[in-house]
Protein backbone atom coordinates (compact mmCIF):
# COMPACT_ATOMS: atom_id res chain seq x y z
CA MET A 1 7.90 16.85 46.42
CA TYR A 2 7.67 13.22 47.67
CA PHE A 3 7.43 11.71 44.20
CA LEU A 4 10.40 13.64 42.84
CA LYS A 5 12.45 12.60 45.89
CA LYS A 6 11.58 8.92 45.33
CA ALA A 7 12.27 9.19 41.59
CA LYS A 8 15.70 10.69 42.29
CA GLU A 9 16.44 7.81 44.66
CA LEU A 10 15.73 5.46 41.74
CA TYR A 11 17.90 7.44 39.32
CA ASP A 12 20.44 4.66 38.84
CA TYR A 13 17.65 2.23 37.98
CA SER A 14 16.15 4.67 35.47
CA VAL A 15 19.53 5.20 33.80
CA SER A 16 20.23 1.47 33.58
CA VAL A 17 16.87 0.83 31.90
CA ARG A 18 17.30 3.73 29.52
CA ARG A 19 20.82 2.71 28.48
CA TYR A 20 19.89 -0.93 27.96
CA LEU A 21 17.00 0.06 25.71
CA HIS A 22 19.08 2.68 23.91
CA GLU A 23 21.84 0.20 23.11
CA ASN A 24 19.33 -2.42 21.96
CA PRO A 25 16.69 -0.58 19.87
CA GLU A 26 14.01 -2.33 17.84
CA PRO A 27 11.89 -0.90 15.00
CA SER A 28 8.17 -0.22 15.12
CA SER A 29 6.03 -3.37 15.25
CA PHE A 30 9.05 -5.64 15.89
CA GLU A 31 9.84 -4.82 19.53
CA LEU A 32 9.80 -8.42 20.80
CA ASN A 33 12.98 -8.23 22.91
CA THR A 34 11.88 -4.85 24.26
CA VAL A 35 8.53 -6.33 25.26
CA ALA A 36 10.29 -9.27 26.95
CA PHE A 37 12.46 -6.81 28.88
CA ILE A 38 9.44 -4.79 30.04
CA GLN A 39 7.64 -7.94 31.13
CA GLY A 40 10.72 -9.05 33.05
CA GLU A 41 10.91 -5.75 34.93
CA LEU A 42 7.21 -5.88 35.81
CA GLU A 43 7.61 -9.45 37.06
CA LYS A 44 10.48 -8.36 39.34
CA MET A 45 8.17 -5.71 40.81
CA GLY A 46 5.33 -8.17 41.29
CA ILE A 47 3.08 -6.27 38.89
CA LYS A 48 0.56 -8.26 36.89
CA TYR A 49 0.50 -7.57 33.17
CA ILE A 50 -0.85 -8.74 29.85
CA ASN A 51 1.09 -8.82 26.61
CA ILE A 52 -1.26 -7.79 23.81
CA PRO A 53 0.08 -9.36 20.59
CA ASP A 54 1.42 -6.67 18.26
CA GLY A 55 0.04 -3.95 20.53
CA GLY A 56 2.15 -3.67 23.66
CA VAL A 57 2.08 -4.41 27.36
CA LEU A 58 -0.53 -3.37 29.91
CA GLY A 59 0.52 -3.53 33.55
CA PHE A 60 -2.03 -3.35 36.39
CA ILE A 61 -1.39 -1.91 39.86
CA HIS A 62 -4.44 -2.30 42.08
CA GLY A 63 -4.56 -0.08 45.13
CA GLU A 64 -6.03 -1.35 48.39
CA ILE A 65 -8.53 1.53 48.49
CA PRO A 66 -11.37 1.88 45.93
CA GLY A 67 -11.00 4.73 43.48
CA ALA A 68 -10.58 5.79 39.88
CA THR A 69 -8.79 3.95 37.09
CA VAL A 70 -5.91 5.98 35.67
CA MET A 71 -3.80 4.99 32.68
CA LEU A 72 -0.18 6.05 32.22
CA ARG A 73 1.04 5.77 28.65
CA GLY A 74 4.56 5.38 27.30
CA ASP A 75 6.02 4.09 24.03
CA CYS A 76 8.98 1.82 23.33
CA ASP A 77 9.89 1.58 19.61
CA ALA A 78 12.93 3.08 17.89
CA LEU A 79 13.56 4.90 14.62
CA LYS A 80 15.22 3.64 11.45
CA ILE A 81 18.06 6.14 11.64
CA HIS A 82 21.85 5.95 11.84
CA GLU A 83 22.84 7.51 15.15
CA SER A 84 25.81 9.80 15.49
CA ALA A 85 28.26 8.88 18.26
CA ASP A 86 28.46 12.58 19.18
CA ASN A 87 25.97 15.19 20.30
CA ALA A 88 26.49 18.90 19.62
CA ALA A 89 29.39 19.13 22.08
CA GLY A 90 31.12 15.75 22.09
CA PRO A 91 30.75 11.98 22.58
CA LYS A 92 27.50 10.56 23.90
CA VAL A 93 27.48 8.40 27.02
CA CYS A 94 25.39 5.79 25.26
CA VAL A 95 25.00 4.85 21.57
CA SER A 96 22.92 2.28 19.71
CA ARG A 97 24.65 -1.02 19.01
CA LYS A 98 22.44 -1.63 15.97
CA ASP A 99 23.42 0.22 12.83
CA GLY A 100 20.45 1.98 11.25
CA LEU A 101 18.29 1.78 14.38
CA ALA A 102 18.28 4.25 17.26
CA HIS A 103 16.08 5.77 19.97
CA CYS A 104 16.50 9.26 18.50
CA CYS A 105 13.01 10.21 19.66
CA GLY A 106 13.55 9.24 23.28
CA HIS A 107 11.13 6.35 23.64
CA ASP A 108 13.83 4.64 25.71
CA MET A 109 13.48 7.58 28.10
CA HIS A 110 9.70 7.22 28.22
CA THR A 111 9.85 3.49 29.00
CA ALA A 112 12.46 4.05 31.71
CA MET A 113 10.35 6.80 33.28
CA LEU A 114 7.22 4.65 33.24
CA LEU A 115 8.94 1.62 34.74
CA THR A 116 10.40 3.82 37.47
CA ALA A 117 6.96 5.29 38.19
CA ALA A 118 5.65 1.72 38.40
CA LYS A 119 8.17 0.99 41.16
CA ILE A 120 7.08 4.05 43.12
CA LEU A 121 3.38 3.27 42.76
CA LYS A 122 3.83 -0.40 43.63
CA ASP A 123 5.71 0.57 46.81
CA ASN A 124 2.76 2.82 47.77
CA ARG A 125 0.03 0.34 46.85
CA LYS A 126 -1.40 0.20 50.39
CA THR A 127 -2.39 3.87 50.24
CA LEU A 128 -3.09 3.96 46.49
CA LYS A 129 -6.72 4.55 45.59
CA GLY A 130 -8.13 2.76 42.56
CA THR A 131 -6.16 1.14 39.76
CA VAL A 132 -3.24 2.31 37.66
CA ILE A 133 -2.82 0.85 34.18
CA LEU A 134 0.67 1.04 32.69
CA MET A 135 0.48 1.23 28.91
CA PHE A 136 3.69 0.41 27.01
CA GLU A 137 2.69 1.12 23.43
CA ARG A 138 4.44 -0.43 20.45
CA GLY A 139 4.73 1.00 16.94
CA GLU A 140 4.26 4.68 17.76
CA GLU A 141 6.55 5.67 14.90
CA GLY A 142 4.02 4.91 12.18
CA GLY A 143 3.15 1.32 13.03
CA GLY A 144 -0.34 2.08 14.33
CA ASN A 145 -0.05 -0.70 16.93
CA THR A 146 -2.14 1.34 19.34
CA TYR A 147 -5.07 -0.20 17.43
CA HIS A 148 -4.49 -3.58 19.11
CA ILE A 149 -4.27 -2.03 22.59
CA HIS A 150 -7.54 -0.13 22.17
CA LYS A 151 -9.19 -3.20 20.66
CA TYR A 152 -8.29 -5.09 23.85
CA LEU A 153 -9.49 -2.29 26.14
CA GLN A 154 -12.80 -2.02 24.30
CA GLU A 155 -13.48 -5.74 23.99
CA ASN A 156 -12.80 -6.19 27.71
CA ARG A 157 -14.86 -3.11 28.62
CA ILE A 158 -12.08 -1.57 30.68
CA LYS A 159 -13.23 1.81 31.95
CA ILE A 160 -10.55 4.49 32.19
CA ASP A 161 -11.24 7.73 34.02
CA ALA A 162 -8.17 9.65 32.87
CA CYS A 163 -4.94 9.09 30.98
CA PHE A 164 -1.59 10.83 31.35
CA SER A 165 1.31 10.77 28.95
CA GLN A 166 4.45 12.76 28.28
CA HIS A 167 7.10 13.26 25.63
CA ASN A 168 10.62 14.36 26.31
CA ASP A 169 11.57 17.69 24.75
CA PRO A 170 15.27 18.48 24.15
CA LEU A 171 14.39 22.09 23.36
CA LEU A 172 13.15 22.49 26.95
CA PRO A 173 15.77 22.46 29.75
CA TYR A 174 15.71 19.42 32.01
CA GLY A 175 13.93 20.11 35.28
CA LYS A 176 11.08 21.85 33.48
CA ILE A 177 7.70 20.37 32.54
CA ALA A 178 5.40 22.09 30.07
CA ILE A 179 1.68 21.40 29.95
CA SER A 180 -1.27 23.34 28.56
CA GLU A 181 -4.82 22.53 27.54
CA GLY A 182 -5.82 22.22 23.91
CA PRO A 183 -3.75 21.10 20.91
CA ARG A 184 -0.50 19.31 21.74
CA PHE A 185 0.44 17.35 18.60
CA ALA A 186 -1.08 17.55 15.13
CA GLY A 187 -2.94 15.04 13.04
CA SER A 188 -1.05 14.04 9.91
CA PHE A 189 -1.95 13.17 6.32
CA VAL A 190 0.82 11.39 4.39
CA PHE A 191 0.88 10.42 0.74
CA ASN A 192 2.99 8.71 -1.91
CA VAL A 193 1.76 8.90 -5.52
CA LYS A 194 3.08 7.49 -8.80
CA ILE A 195 2.37 9.29 -12.08
CA THR A 196 2.75 7.33 -15.30
CA GLY A 197 3.11 9.10 -18.63
CA LYS A 198 4.71 8.29 -21.97
CA GLY A 199 8.49 8.33 -22.20
CA GLY A 200 10.72 9.14 -25.14
CA HIS A 201 13.59 11.26 -26.39
CA GLY A 202 14.05 14.65 -24.78
CA SER A 203 14.33 16.29 -28.20
CA ARG A 204 10.67 15.48 -29.02
CA PRO A 205 8.48 16.42 -26.07
CA ASP A 206 5.54 16.49 -28.47
CA ARG A 207 5.76 12.70 -28.73
CA CYS A 208 5.80 12.24 -24.96
CA ASN A 209 3.50 12.71 -22.01
CA ASN A 210 6.05 13.91 -19.51
CA PRO A 211 5.08 13.00 -15.91
CA ILE A 212 7.38 15.78 -14.70
CA ASP A 213 5.22 18.39 -16.43
CA CYS A 214 2.16 16.84 -14.82
CA PHE A 215 3.80 16.83 -11.41
CA LEU A 216 4.84 20.47 -11.67
CA ALA A 217 1.23 21.44 -12.32
CA ILE A 218 0.07 19.35 -9.36
CA ALA A 219 2.78 20.78 -7.09
CA GLY A 220 1.82 24.34 -8.02
CA GLU A 221 -1.81 23.77 -7.15
CA TYR A 222 -0.83 21.84 -4.00
CA LYS A 223 0.82 24.95 -2.59
CA ASP A 224 -2.39 26.92 -3.16
CA LEU A 225 -4.75 24.34 -1.63
CA ARG A 226 -4.07 25.50 1.90
CA MET A 227 -5.21 29.03 0.97
CA ARG A 228 -8.32 27.85 -0.84
CA MET A 229 -9.47 25.00 1.39
CA VAL A 230 -8.39 25.89 4.93
CA SER A 231 -9.49 28.82 7.09
CA PRO A 232 -6.67 31.28 7.80
CA ASP A 233 -7.19 30.91 11.55
CA VAL A 234 -6.41 27.17 11.40
CA LEU A 235 -2.79 26.11 11.96
CA PHE A 236 -1.96 24.01 8.90
CA THR A 237 1.24 23.06 7.08
CA SER A 238 1.80 21.04 3.91
CA SER A 239 4.92 20.01 2.04
CA ILE A 240 6.17 17.74 -0.74
CA ASN A 241 9.41 16.21 0.44
CA MET A 242 10.44 13.53 -2.03
CA VAL A 243 10.38 13.41 -5.85
CA ASN A 244 11.94 10.65 -7.97
CA ALA A 245 12.03 10.60 -11.76
CA GLY A 246 14.37 10.35 -14.71
CA SER A 247 17.71 8.75 -15.53
CA ALA A 248 19.38 11.05 -18.06
CA HIS A 249 19.24 14.61 -19.38
CA ASN A 250 17.87 13.56 -22.78
CA ILE A 251 15.37 10.88 -21.77
CA THR A 252 11.80 11.80 -20.89
CA PRO A 253 10.88 9.43 -18.05
CA GLU A 254 7.81 7.28 -18.09
CA GLU A 255 7.19 7.43 -14.33
CA LEU A 256 7.52 9.83 -11.42
CA THR A 257 6.78 9.30 -7.75
CA PHE A 258 6.31 12.00 -5.15
CA SER A 259 5.43 12.03 -1.48
CA GLY A 260 4.80 14.45 1.34
CA THR A 261 2.61 15.38 4.25
CA ALA A 262 0.10 17.85 5.64
CA ARG A 263 -0.36 18.60 9.36
CA THR A 264 -3.16 20.27 11.27
CA TYR A 265 -5.04 20.33 14.57
CA ASP A 266 -8.36 20.62 12.73
CA PHE A 267 -9.48 17.19 11.55
CA GLU A 268 -12.24 18.48 9.26
CA SER A 269 -9.79 20.80 7.49
CA GLY A 270 -7.54 17.82 6.91
CA LEU A 271 -10.39 15.86 5.34
CA ARG A 272 -11.26 18.72 2.96
CA PHE A 273 -7.63 19.16 1.98
CA ARG A 274 -7.22 15.45 1.26
CA GLU A 275 -10.36 15.32 -0.89
CA GLN A 276 -9.39 18.36 -2.97
CA PHE A 277 -5.80 17.17 -3.38
CA GLU A 278 -6.93 13.88 -4.91
CA LYS A 279 -9.16 15.82 -7.29
CA THR A 280 -6.17 18.00 -8.24
CA ILE A 281 -4.11 14.92 -9.06
CA ARG A 282 -6.89 13.32 -11.08
CA MET A 283 -7.68 16.39 -13.18
CA ASN A 284 -4.05 17.23 -13.98
CA CYS A 285 -3.28 13.68 -14.98
CA GLU A 286 -6.20 13.86 -17.39
CA ILE A 287 -4.95 17.16 -18.84
CA PHE A 288 -1.38 15.87 -19.33
CA GLY A 289 -2.35 12.44 -20.64
CA CYS A 290 -1.04 10.58 -17.61
CA THR A 291 -2.42 8.11 -15.14
CA TYR A 292 -1.77 7.92 -11.42
CA GLU A 293 -1.56 5.30 -8.72
CA ILE A 294 -1.89 6.02 -5.01
CA ILE A 295 0.81 4.03 -3.24
CA LEU A 296 0.18 5.53 0.21
CA TRP A 297 -2.77 7.70 1.25
CA LYS A 298 -3.05 7.69 5.04
CA GLY A 299 -4.85 10.08 7.34
CA PRO A 300 -5.53 12.64 8.44
CA THR A 301 -4.97 11.08 11.81
CA LEU A 302 -6.43 12.58 14.96
CA PRO A 303 -4.56 15.38 16.75
CA VAL A 304 -3.53 15.12 20.40
CA ILE A 305 -5.88 17.40 22.33
CA ASN A 306 -5.23 17.92 26.03
CA GLN A 307 -8.61 17.86 27.76
CA LYS A 308 -9.22 21.02 29.78
CA ASP A 309 -10.07 19.57 33.20
CA VAL A 310 -7.49 16.76 33.18
CA THR A 311 -4.82 19.20 32.03
CA ALA A 312 -5.65 21.65 34.82
CA TYR A 313 -5.34 18.77 37.30
CA ALA A 314 -2.04 17.58 35.82
CA ARG A 315 -0.65 21.10 35.89
CA SER A 316 -1.57 21.57 39.55
CA VAL A 317 0.06 18.23 40.41
CA THR A 318 3.18 19.18 38.46
CA GLU A 319 3.42 22.48 40.34
CA LEU A 320 3.29 20.55 43.62
CA THR A 321 5.78 17.97 42.40
CA ILE A 322 8.52 20.11 40.82
CA GLY A 323 7.45 23.65 41.71
CA LYS A 324 5.48 26.42 40.01
CA GLU A 325 8.67 28.01 38.72
CA ASN A 326 9.47 24.82 36.80
CA THR A 327 5.98 24.31 35.36
CA VAL A 328 5.54 26.20 32.10
CA ASN A 329 3.19 26.39 29.12
CA ASN A 330 3.94 24.19 26.16
CA THR A 331 3.96 25.21 22.51
CA PRO A 332 1.75 23.24 20.11
CA ASP A 333 3.81 20.93 17.90
CA LEU A 334 2.85 19.93 14.35
CA CYS A 335 4.57 16.55 14.63
CA GLY A 336 2.22 13.58 14.67
CA GLU A 337 1.59 11.36 17.71
CA THR A 338 -0.51 8.21 18.03
CA PHE A 339 -1.63 9.40 21.46
CA GLY A 340 -4.36 11.20 19.50
CA VAL A 341 -6.22 7.87 19.40
CA THR A 342 -6.16 7.68 23.19
CA THR A 343 -7.26 11.31 23.63
CA ALA A 344 -10.25 10.55 21.40
CA TYR A 345 -11.53 7.91 23.83
CA TYR A 346 -10.39 9.07 27.28
CA PRO A 347 -9.93 12.48 28.94
CA SER A 348 -6.19 12.86 28.65
CA ALA A 349 -3.22 15.16 29.01
CA MET A 350 0.25 14.96 27.49
CA ALA A 351 3.09 16.97 29.01
CA ALA A 352 6.48 17.90 27.63
CA VAL A 353 9.28 16.87 29.98
CA GLY A 354 12.40 18.92 29.41
CA SER A 355 15.43 16.84 28.37
CA GLY A 356 17.74 19.59 27.15
CA ASN A 357 21.12 20.63 28.50
CA GLU A 358 22.72 23.17 26.20
CA ALA A 359 26.03 23.26 28.08
CA GLU A 360 26.47 19.53 27.41
CA GLY A 361 25.41 19.70 23.74
CA LYS A 362 22.08 18.04 24.50
CA TYR A 363 19.69 20.36 22.75
CA LEU A 364 19.29 19.09 19.19
CA PRO A 365 15.72 18.22 18.13
CA LEU A 366 14.00 14.86 17.98
CA HIS A 367 14.73 12.58 14.99
CA ASN A 368 18.20 14.12 14.64
CA PRO A 369 21.18 11.67 14.55
CA GLN A 370 22.92 13.84 17.18
CA TYR A 371 19.87 13.96 19.48
CA ASP A 372 20.99 13.13 23.01
CA PRO A 373 18.56 13.62 25.92
CA GLU A 374 19.84 14.65 29.33
CA GLU A 375 19.42 11.63 31.59
CA LYS A 376 18.97 13.94 34.57
CA ALA A 377 15.47 14.51 33.16
CA LEU A 378 14.45 10.95 34.01
CA PRO A 379 13.31 11.59 37.62
CA PHE A 380 11.11 14.48 36.53
CA GLY A 381 9.22 12.35 34.02
CA SER A 382 8.90 9.49 36.51
CA ALA A 383 7.62 11.84 39.21
CA TYR A 384 5.08 13.33 36.79
CA TYR A 385 3.70 9.88 35.95
CA ALA A 386 3.57 8.68 39.57
CA ALA A 387 2.12 11.86 41.06
CA CYS A 388 -0.65 12.20 38.46
CA ALA A 389 -1.75 8.60 38.99
CA TYR A 390 -1.46 8.48 42.79
CA MET A 391 -3.22 11.75 43.52
CA TYR A 392 -6.02 11.53 40.97
CA SER A 393 -8.59 9.76 43.16
CA ASP A 394 -8.13 12.33 45.91
CA SER A 395 -8.71 15.36 43.72
CA ALA A 396 -10.32 14.10 40.53
CA PRO A 397 -11.94 17.03 38.71
CA GLU A 398 -15.42 17.17 37.26
CA ILE A 399 -14.76 16.28 33.64
CA ASN A 400 -16.73 17.46 30.65
CA PHE A 401 -15.68 15.04 27.93
CA GLU A 402 -17.44 13.38 25.02
CA PRO A 403 -15.50 10.40 23.66
CA PHE A 404 -15.48 9.28 20.05
CA ALA A 405 -18.71 7.32 19.63
CA GLY A 406 -17.45 4.47 17.43
CA ASP A 407 -15.10 1.61 18.21
CA ILE A 408 -11.45 1.48 17.18
CA ASP A 409 -12.30 -0.09 13.81
CA GLU A 410 -14.60 2.80 12.96
CA LEU A 411 -11.98 5.31 14.07
CA PHE A 412 -9.31 3.74 11.86
CA ARG A 413 -11.68 3.75 8.89
CA LEU A 414 -12.49 7.42 9.49
CA THR A 415 -8.81 8.34 9.62
CA ASN A 416 -8.00 6.17 6.59
CA ARG A 417 -5.50 4.02 8.43
CA PRO A 418 -5.04 0.31 7.75
CA VAL A 419 -5.34 -2.09 10.64
CA PRO A 420 -1.75 -3.10 11.47
CA PRO A 421 -1.07 -6.74 10.64
CA HIS A 422 -0.24 -9.43 13.17
CA ARG A 423 3.49 -10.13 13.02
CA ASP A 424 4.35 -11.57 16.42
CA ASN A 425 3.69 -15.17 15.44
CA LEU A 426 5.32 -15.03 12.01
């Protein structure tokens, strides 16, 4: 219980960090002030760090006793969303000062937890075994900036024995931590396609090639692809979520755009689905006399898979830190998470740290304008980080893990993701 006790003693610090970040959010790939703030906090603690352009910050805490190298990962970007001043029960204690930008996924919580854990670990450096790397990742919300961090780690041949991460969960009461081996977050395939036909007057469809007709055929087959291309025992969802076409009831449009996503824990199933979906688009456009242009065609990305041995270790540490009665199993989530890149290279585990408080109206899901995490969850996330890192060298498990064989460039090619551009010096 030592780490939870220390984290609770630092509660005011955690809250101050979280509220500063929440009031001053920055979008993915443009977190320059956030990065400067993180660097400033690490400097105050006397922790050495490196700012990886467009990637994030890596802090290094070297223990005075030889041991393993453990990485703790957090993220720091915000969402392009207009935040509500109220949660489900009433006014929030803290609201974004930037209209259209908000930490409605809780990355402000994650950064506050990680900085608090850094304080605890730095204060215990004399008895710390090995090295702890603090990873503050930028661009988690679609920016792909984790590429630059992994490029740095690989080029500098930094060996990492285990990595621990967490994500706050408002559907789980604060004071609880959920962690289980296996799938944690899904890999995602996202698309945006433009169909071009031949417009005209709505009274003479015979003189037109209506892209809406073409889309309807594609959409019908899209719904059936999951049944035809994916095994029934594989968890897989797909949806079309945006369609834009037309300007009047009697005008056949010339263009239509549509976009959507598919999610799965099975990467190979995602690849087959993507291949067949493009074929479906191509063949229907030919039948309806239309052409198509792929505006966005990204993924499938890699799922987050909690490695068996590291997860068992993290769970045992969590039971010691917050109690067996507060350590529960998590439910796989089909949201995407860039931590899948990290789990491909290093034996890793991602926990869910409860941030819900139904009595206070703090239970609405992530990416909701009324989302409002319970700040009393902060010590539990900080304690999880610190305990996993500090205790690993003493009880490191035998790990059976085979990392992805290629470098980060090969992985991004495989998952059909563009290398994020350099923006910091623009």
